[in-house]
């Protein structure tokens, strides 16, 4: 997300509850319960030590990319200091075996992967009680607060909340602590060409979410070409916006010319034919998307010009023929 995005107004502690509390988990809530806040819905619980092999990844984890260099660095730190911050998990009902219960990650995917890489056998976890929707929301909130998600991962997580859990963009914004406009603009990134999305996911300094947002609305070929230009010329976001604006305006002018030409829309052709029948001279019409344009009457000789003058000027004004 861009650096000027509003920061979260609540912490994970408020969402997850007090990890030191010992209250028993409440009854399972339904997946359709989208109105309760996470703080009210997620049960507080103890911190436990759990075998790392008993934990499974969350298939709805918003973060899809884990840079190898970053993972190696964290693994080295974990070998030295251990896993200090607990992972957030849910108990998988009916998934236990002779070794004990099974868990699924809610938050802490990067720490879990790094711990496995470091050869750590047991990790601290906080067991929560959450619906699939609440799991997605908590994973999303944690990643947002850590700024771990790239813009496309963020947009896909928002889209999942909107499409699979029937949340409005306003409700998504309220749950993750951003303005609605931020959520809307992020979702627009999913309309970009696939190649542009792939480059954006790489996290290049020269092609950020701000640059990518400028490309929304352009044709796919234009998006790719301008993206390459932005990177090659190290354009600022403002310069990218101006370049995209010029391309959009040129596209509108071209489309307007095509619509207003002799072989334009059927509506224009019918109007031209009606004018031609009415005055017995060939008429062509051009107009743009805003409705402005021109009507052209064609003549082939001086005599035809005189006929037009008599028909349109002298006849109506009482002037003598010139």
Protein backbone atom coordinates (compact mmCIF):
# COMPACT_ATOMS: atom_id res chain seq x y z
CA UNK A 1 0.00 0.00 0.00
CA UNK A 2 1.11 3.54 -0.53
CA UNK A 3 2.85 5.38 2.26
CA UNK A 4 0.06 7.94 2.49
CA UNK A 5 -2.58 5.31 3.24
CA UNK A 6 -4.23 5.83 6.63
CA UNK A 7 -2.79 3.62 9.33
CA UNK A 8 -4.76 1.06 11.26
CA UNK A 9 -6.73 2.39 14.18
CA UNK A 10 -6.68 -0.86 16.12
CA UNK A 11 -4.09 -3.50 16.98
CA UNK A 12 -4.11 -7.26 16.70
CA UNK A 13 -4.53 -7.43 20.45
CA UNK A 14 -7.91 -5.77 20.11
CA UNK A 15 -8.87 -8.22 17.39
CA UNK A 16 -7.57 -11.41 18.99
CA UNK A 17 -8.50 -10.70 22.58
CA UNK A 18 -6.32 -11.21 25.68
CA UNK A 19 -4.03 -14.17 25.06
CA UNK A 20 -3.51 -14.60 28.79
CA UNK A 21 -7.18 -15.14 29.58
CA UNK A 22 -8.36 -18.66 30.30
CA UNK A 23 -12.01 -18.54 29.31
CA UNK A 24 -13.32 -21.59 27.45
CA UNK A 25 -14.00 -21.14 23.74
CA UNK A 26 -17.61 -20.20 22.92
CA UNK A 27 -19.83 -22.15 20.55
CA UNK A 28 -18.89 -22.09 16.88
CA UNK A 29 -20.39 -19.16 14.97
CA UNK A 30 -21.71 -19.58 11.47
CA UNK A 31 -19.91 -18.51 8.33
CA UNK A 32 -22.78 -16.16 7.54
CA UNK A 33 -22.25 -14.10 10.68
CA UNK A 34 -20.58 -11.10 9.07
CA UNK A 35 -21.77 -8.43 11.48
CA UNK A 36 -19.95 -9.37 14.70
CA UNK A 37 -16.57 -7.75 15.22
CA UNK A 38 -13.48 -9.90 15.41
CA UNK A 39 -12.87 -8.81 18.98
CA UNK A 40 -16.29 -10.18 19.99
CA UNK A 41 -16.15 -13.32 17.87
CA UNK A 42 -12.66 -14.67 18.48
CA UNK A 43 -12.22 -16.52 21.75
CA UNK A 44 -9.34 -15.67 24.09
CA UNK A 45 -7.02 -18.56 24.97
CA UNK A 46 -3.66 -19.63 26.44
CA UNK A 47 -0.34 -19.74 24.65
CA UNK A 48 0.66 -23.35 23.96
CA UNK A 49 3.75 -25.09 22.58
CA UNK A 50 2.76 -27.16 19.55
CA UNK A 51 4.70 -29.41 17.20
CA UNK A 52 5.32 -27.47 14.02
CA UNK A 53 4.27 -30.49 11.95
CA UNK A 54 0.83 -30.37 13.58
CA UNK A 55 0.16 -26.99 11.95
CA UNK A 56 -1.22 -26.66 8.44
CA UNK A 57 -1.18 -23.50 6.29
CA UNK A 58 -4.33 -21.51 5.73
CA UNK A 59 -5.46 -22.05 2.11
CA UNK A 60 -7.01 -18.56 2.24
CA UNK A 61 -3.78 -16.92 3.36
CA UNK A 62 -3.66 -13.51 1.61
CA UNK A 63 0.12 -13.57 1.29
CA UNK A 64 1.17 -15.72 -1.67
CA UNK A 65 4.80 -14.66 -2.08
CA UNK A 66 7.54 -15.25 0.48
CA UNK A 67 10.85 -13.83 -0.81
CA UNK A 68 13.62 -16.38 -0.25
CA UNK A 69 16.14 -13.82 1.02
CA UNK A 70 13.70 -12.47 3.59
CA UNK A 71 12.77 -16.01 4.69
CA UNK A 72 16.44 -17.01 5.09
CA UNK A 73 17.12 -13.91 7.18
CA UNK A 74 14.19 -14.63 9.49
CA UNK A 75 15.20 -18.30 9.78
CA UNK A 76 18.67 -17.26 10.97
CA UNK A 77 17.09 -14.99 13.56
CA UNK A 78 14.78 -17.76 14.77
CA UNK A 79 17.70 -20.19 15.15
CA UNK A 80 19.40 -17.61 17.35
CA UNK A 81 16.47 -16.36 19.41
CA UNK A 82 13.63 -18.83 18.86
CA UNK A 83 10.04 -17.98 17.94
CA UNK A 84 9.16 -15.22 20.38
CA UNK A 85 5.80 -14.08 19.01
CA UNK A 86 3.17 -16.86 19.00
CA UNK A 87 1.45 -17.99 15.82
CA UNK A 88 -2.33 -17.60 15.71
CA UNK A 89 -4.12 -20.87 14.91
CA UNK A 90 -7.49 -22.59 15.07
CA UNK A 91 -8.10 -26.16 16.15
CA UNK A 92 -9.18 -28.41 13.30
CA UNK A 93 -12.13 -30.46 14.66
CA UNK A 94 -11.88 -34.14 13.81
CA UNK A 95 -8.39 -33.78 12.35
CA UNK A 96 -6.46 -35.21 15.30
CA UNK A 97 -4.31 -38.33 15.26
CA UNK A 98 -2.32 -40.43 17.69
CA UNK A 99 0.23 -37.62 17.96
CA UNK A 100 -2.42 -35.13 19.05
CA UNK A 101 -4.69 -32.44 17.61
CA UNK A 102 -4.13 -30.65 14.32
CA UNK A 103 -4.18 -26.87 13.83
CA UNK A 104 -4.57 -24.43 10.95
CA UNK A 105 -2.77 -21.11 10.73
CA UNK A 106 -4.64 -17.83 10.94
CA UNK A 107 -1.67 -15.50 11.22
CA UNK A 108 2.09 -15.98 11.27
CA UNK A 109 2.57 -17.81 7.97
CA UNK A 110 6.01 -16.28 7.37
CA UNK A 111 7.22 -17.18 10.88
CA UNK A 112 5.88 -20.73 10.43
CA UNK A 113 7.73 -21.19 7.13
CA UNK A 114 10.95 -19.70 8.56
CA UNK A 115 10.71 -21.89 11.67
CA UNK A 116 10.48 -24.99 9.47
CA UNK A 117 13.48 -23.75 7.48
CA UNK A 118 15.39 -23.22 10.73
CA UNK A 119 14.66 -26.79 11.86
CA UNK A 120 12.59 -25.73 14.86
CA UNK A 121 10.36 -28.57 16.07
CA UNK A 122 7.88 -26.79 18.36
CA UNK A 123 6.48 -23.27 18.24
CA UNK A 124 4.29 -21.15 20.54
CA UNK A 125 0.71 -20.73 19.37
CA UNK A 126 -2.44 -18.99 20.53
CA UNK A 127 -5.48 -21.12 19.73
CA UNK A 128 -8.49 -19.12 18.62
CA UNK A 129 -12.04 -19.92 17.66
CA UNK A 130 -12.97 -18.36 14.30
CA UNK A 131 -15.06 -18.88 11.20
CA UNK A 132 -13.32 -19.05 7.79
CA UNK A 133 -14.30 -15.43 7.18
CA UNK A 134 -12.84 -14.31 10.49
CA UNK A 135 -9.66 -16.26 9.74
CA UNK A 136 -9.27 -14.41 6.45
CA UNK A 137 -9.95 -11.06 8.09
CA UNK A 138 -7.40 -11.67 10.86
CA UNK A 139 -4.73 -12.86 8.43
CA UNK A 140 -5.40 -9.81 6.27
CA UNK A 141 -5.23 -7.40 9.22
CA UNK A 142 -1.96 -8.87 10.48
CA UNK A 143 -0.34 -8.62 7.07
CA UNK A 144 -1.60 -5.06 6.61
CA UNK A 145 -0.15 -4.00 9.94
CA UNK A 146 3.18 -5.58 9.06
CA UNK A 147 2.99 -4.18 5.51
CA UNK A 148 3.82 -7.70 4.29
CA UNK A 149 1.36 -7.90 1.40
CA UNK A 150 2.04 -6.65 -2.09
CA UNK A 151 -0.82 -4.64 -3.66
CA UNK A 152 -2.14 -7.53 -5.76
CA UNK A 153 -2.27 -9.90 -2.76
CA UNK A 154 -4.12 -7.19 -0.87
CA UNK A 155 -6.59 -6.71 -3.72
CA UNK A 156 -7.25 -10.44 -4.00
CA UNK A 157 -7.96 -10.69 -0.28
CA UNK A 158 -10.39 -7.78 -0.51
CA UNK A 159 -12.04 -9.42 -3.51
CA UNK A 160 -12.47 -12.67 -1.58
CA UNK A 161 -14.23 -10.84 1.25
CA UNK A 162 -16.51 -9.09 -1.24
CA UNK A 163 -17.34 -12.04 -3.48
CA UNK A 164 -17.30 -15.02 -1.12
CA UNK A 165 -18.59 -13.41 2.06
CA UNK A 166 -20.87 -10.81 0.47
CA UNK A 167 -19.28 -7.85 2.22
CA UNK A 168 -19.60 -4.40 0.73
CA UNK A 169 -16.46 -2.39 0.08
CA UNK A 170 -17.50 -0.16 2.97
CA UNK A 171 -17.67 -3.18 5.30
CA UNK A 172 -14.28 -4.45 4.13
CA UNK A 173 -12.76 -1.02 4.72
CA UNK A 174 -14.22 -0.88 8.23
CA UNK A 175 -12.86 -4.33 9.11
CA UNK A 176 -9.30 -3.66 7.95
CA UNK A 177 -9.18 -0.06 9.15
CA UNK A 178 -8.75 1.77 5.84
CA UNK A 179 -10.86 4.33 4.03
CA UNK A 180 -13.36 2.95 1.50
CA UNK A 181 -11.55 4.77 -1.31
CA UNK A 182 -8.36 2.88 -0.46
CA UNK A 183 -10.15 -0.46 -0.77
CA UNK A 184 -11.85 0.61 -4.02
CA UNK A 185 -8.61 1.80 -5.61
CA UNK A 186 -6.80 -1.37 -4.57
CA UNK A 187 -9.52 -3.57 -6.10
CA UNK A 188 -9.13 -1.69 -9.38
CA UNK A 189 -5.62 -3.13 -9.69
CA UNK A 190 -7.21 -6.50 -10.50
CA UNK A 191 -8.51 -5.00 -13.76
CA UNK A 192 -4.95 -4.50 -14.99
CA UNK A 193 -3.35 -6.77 -17.56
CA UNK A 194 -1.91 -9.97 -16.08
CA UNK A 195 1.64 -9.02 -17.10
CA UNK A 196 1.31 -5.69 -15.30
CA UNK A 197 0.03 -7.46 -12.17
CA UNK A 198 2.99 -9.85 -12.21
CA UNK A 199 5.47 -6.97 -12.36
CA UNK A 200 3.65 -5.13 -9.58
CA UNK A 201 3.91 -8.23 -7.37
CA UNK A 202 7.71 -8.10 -7.69
CA UNK A 203 7.81 -5.03 -5.46
CA UNK A 204 10.04 -2.92 -7.70
CA UNK A 205 10.86 0.56 -6.40
CA UNK A 206 10.33 1.93 -9.91
CA UNK A 207 6.85 0.47 -10.32
CA UNK A 208 4.60 0.86 -7.29
CA UNK A 209 0.88 0.66 -6.67
CA UNK A 210 0.71 4.39 -7.37
CA UNK A 211 2.23 3.89 -10.80
CA UNK A 212 -0.05 0.92 -11.50
CA UNK A 213 -3.21 2.80 -10.54
CA UNK A 214 -2.42 5.34 -13.26
CA UNK A 215 -2.71 2.54 -15.85
CA UNK A 216 -6.26 1.56 -14.90
CA UNK A 217 -8.59 2.20 -17.83
CA UNK A 218 -5.95 1.92 -20.55
CA UNK A 219 -5.98 -0.82 -23.18
CA UNK A 220 -3.80 -3.85 -22.24
CA UNK A 221 -1.19 -3.00 -24.89
CA UNK A 222 -1.04 0.58 -23.64
CA UNK A 223 -0.67 -0.61 -20.04
CA UNK A 224 2.31 -2.81 -20.86
CA UNK A 225 4.00 -0.18 -23.01
CA UNK A 226 3.57 2.58 -20.43
CA UNK A 227 4.66 0.27 -17.60
CA UNK A 228 7.89 -0.45 -19.47
CA UNK A 229 8.36 3.27 -20.06
CA UNK A 230 7.77 4.06 -16.38
CA UNK A 231 10.42 1.56 -15.30
CA UNK A 232 12.95 2.50 -18.00
CA UNK A 233 12.64 6.24 -17.36
CA UNK A 234 12.22 5.94 -13.59
CA UNK A 235 9.07 8.05 -13.81
CA UNK A 236 7.46 9.59 -10.75
CA UNK A 237 3.86 8.65 -10.01
CA UNK A 238 2.79 12.14 -11.11
CA UNK A 239 4.59 11.77 -14.45
CA UNK A 240 2.99 8.35 -14.94
CA UNK A 241 -0.45 9.83 -14.27
CA UNK A 242 0.13 12.58 -16.84
CA UNK A 243 1.35 10.07 -19.45
CA UNK A 244 -1.67 7.84 -18.82
CA UNK A 245 -4.00 10.83 -19.06
CA UNK A 246 -2.58 11.75 -22.46
CA UNK A 247 -3.05 8.20 -23.72
CA UNK A 248 -6.64 8.10 -22.49
CA UNK A 249 -7.47 11.43 -24.13
CA UNK A 250 -5.94 10.27 -27.41
CA UNK A 251 -8.00 7.08 -27.25
CA UNK A 252 -11.21 9.06 -26.65
CA UNK A 253 -10.46 11.32 -29.63
CA UNK A 254 -9.79 8.34 -31.87
CA UNK A 255 -12.97 6.59 -30.76
CA UNK A 256 -14.97 9.78 -31.29
CA UNK A 257 -13.58 10.16 -34.82
CA UNK A 258 -14.46 6.58 -35.62
CA UNK A 259 -17.99 6.96 -34.28
CA UNK A 260 -18.49 10.21 -36.17
CA UNK A 261 -17.02 9.13 -39.52
CA UNK A 262 -18.93 8.23 -42.67
CA UNK A 263 -18.75 4.56 -41.75
CA UNK A 264 -19.58 5.15 -38.12
CA UNK A 265 -22.54 3.97 -36.14
CA UNK A 266 -25.85 3.07 -37.74
CA UNK A 267 -27.44 6.05 -35.98
CA UNK A 268 -25.06 8.47 -37.67
CA UNK A 269 -25.56 6.81 -41.04
CA UNK A 270 -29.35 7.11 -40.72
CA UNK A 271 -29.04 10.80 -39.88
CA UNK A 272 -26.78 11.38 -42.88
CA UNK A 273 -29.24 9.63 -45.19
CA UNK A 274 -32.16 11.65 -43.81
CA UNK A 275 -30.32 14.96 -44.37
CA UNK A 276 -29.28 13.88 -47.86
CA UNK A 277 -32.87 13.05 -48.82
CA UNK A 278 -34.16 16.31 -47.39
CA UNK A 279 -31.82 18.68 -49.29
CA UNK A 280 -30.71 16.46 -52.20
CA UNK A 281 -27.05 17.03 -51.37
CA UNK A 282 -24.61 14.58 -49.81
CA UNK A 283 -24.32 15.19 -46.07
CA UNK A 284 -21.75 13.73 -43.61
CA UNK A 285 -21.82 14.03 -39.84
CA UNK A 286 -19.02 13.82 -37.29
CA UNK A 287 -19.53 13.99 -33.54
CA UNK A 288 -17.58 13.10 -30.41
CA UNK A 289 -18.51 11.33 -27.20
CA UNK A 290 -19.70 14.61 -25.65
CA UNK A 291 -22.16 15.22 -28.48
CA UNK A 292 -20.24 18.02 -30.20
CA UNK A 293 -19.51 17.75 -33.90
CA UNK A 294 -20.10 19.06 -37.41
CA UNK A 295 -22.52 18.59 -40.32
CA UNK A 296 -20.84 18.85 -43.73
CA UNK A 297 -22.77 19.45 -46.96
CA UNK A 298 -20.85 18.41 -50.06
CA UNK A 299 -21.14 20.13 -53.49
CA UNK A 300 -19.39 19.41 -56.77
CA UNK A 301 -19.74 22.65 -58.75
CA UNK A 302 -20.42 26.37 -58.63
CA UNK A 303 -24.01 25.72 -59.69
CA UNK A 304 -24.56 23.37 -56.76
CA UNK A 305 -23.11 25.95 -54.38
CA UNK A 306 -25.55 28.54 -55.77
CA UNK A 307 -28.40 26.08 -55.27
CA UNK A 308 -27.37 25.59 -51.65
CA UNK A 309 -27.18 29.33 -51.08
CA UNK A 310 -30.63 29.85 -52.53
CA UNK A 311 -32.04 26.99 -50.50
CA UNK A 312 -30.51 27.85 -47.15
CA UNK A 313 -29.90 31.61 -47.26
CA UNK A 314 -31.64 33.59 -49.97
CA UNK A 315 -34.89 31.68 -49.70
CA UNK A 316 -35.21 32.24 -45.95
CA UNK A 317 -33.82 35.80 -45.76
CA UNK A 318 -35.31 37.30 -48.90
CA UNK A 319 -31.85 38.14 -50.32
CA UNK A 320 -31.25 38.20 -54.05
CA UNK A 321 -29.28 35.40 -55.61
CA UNK A 322 -25.59 36.40 -56.03
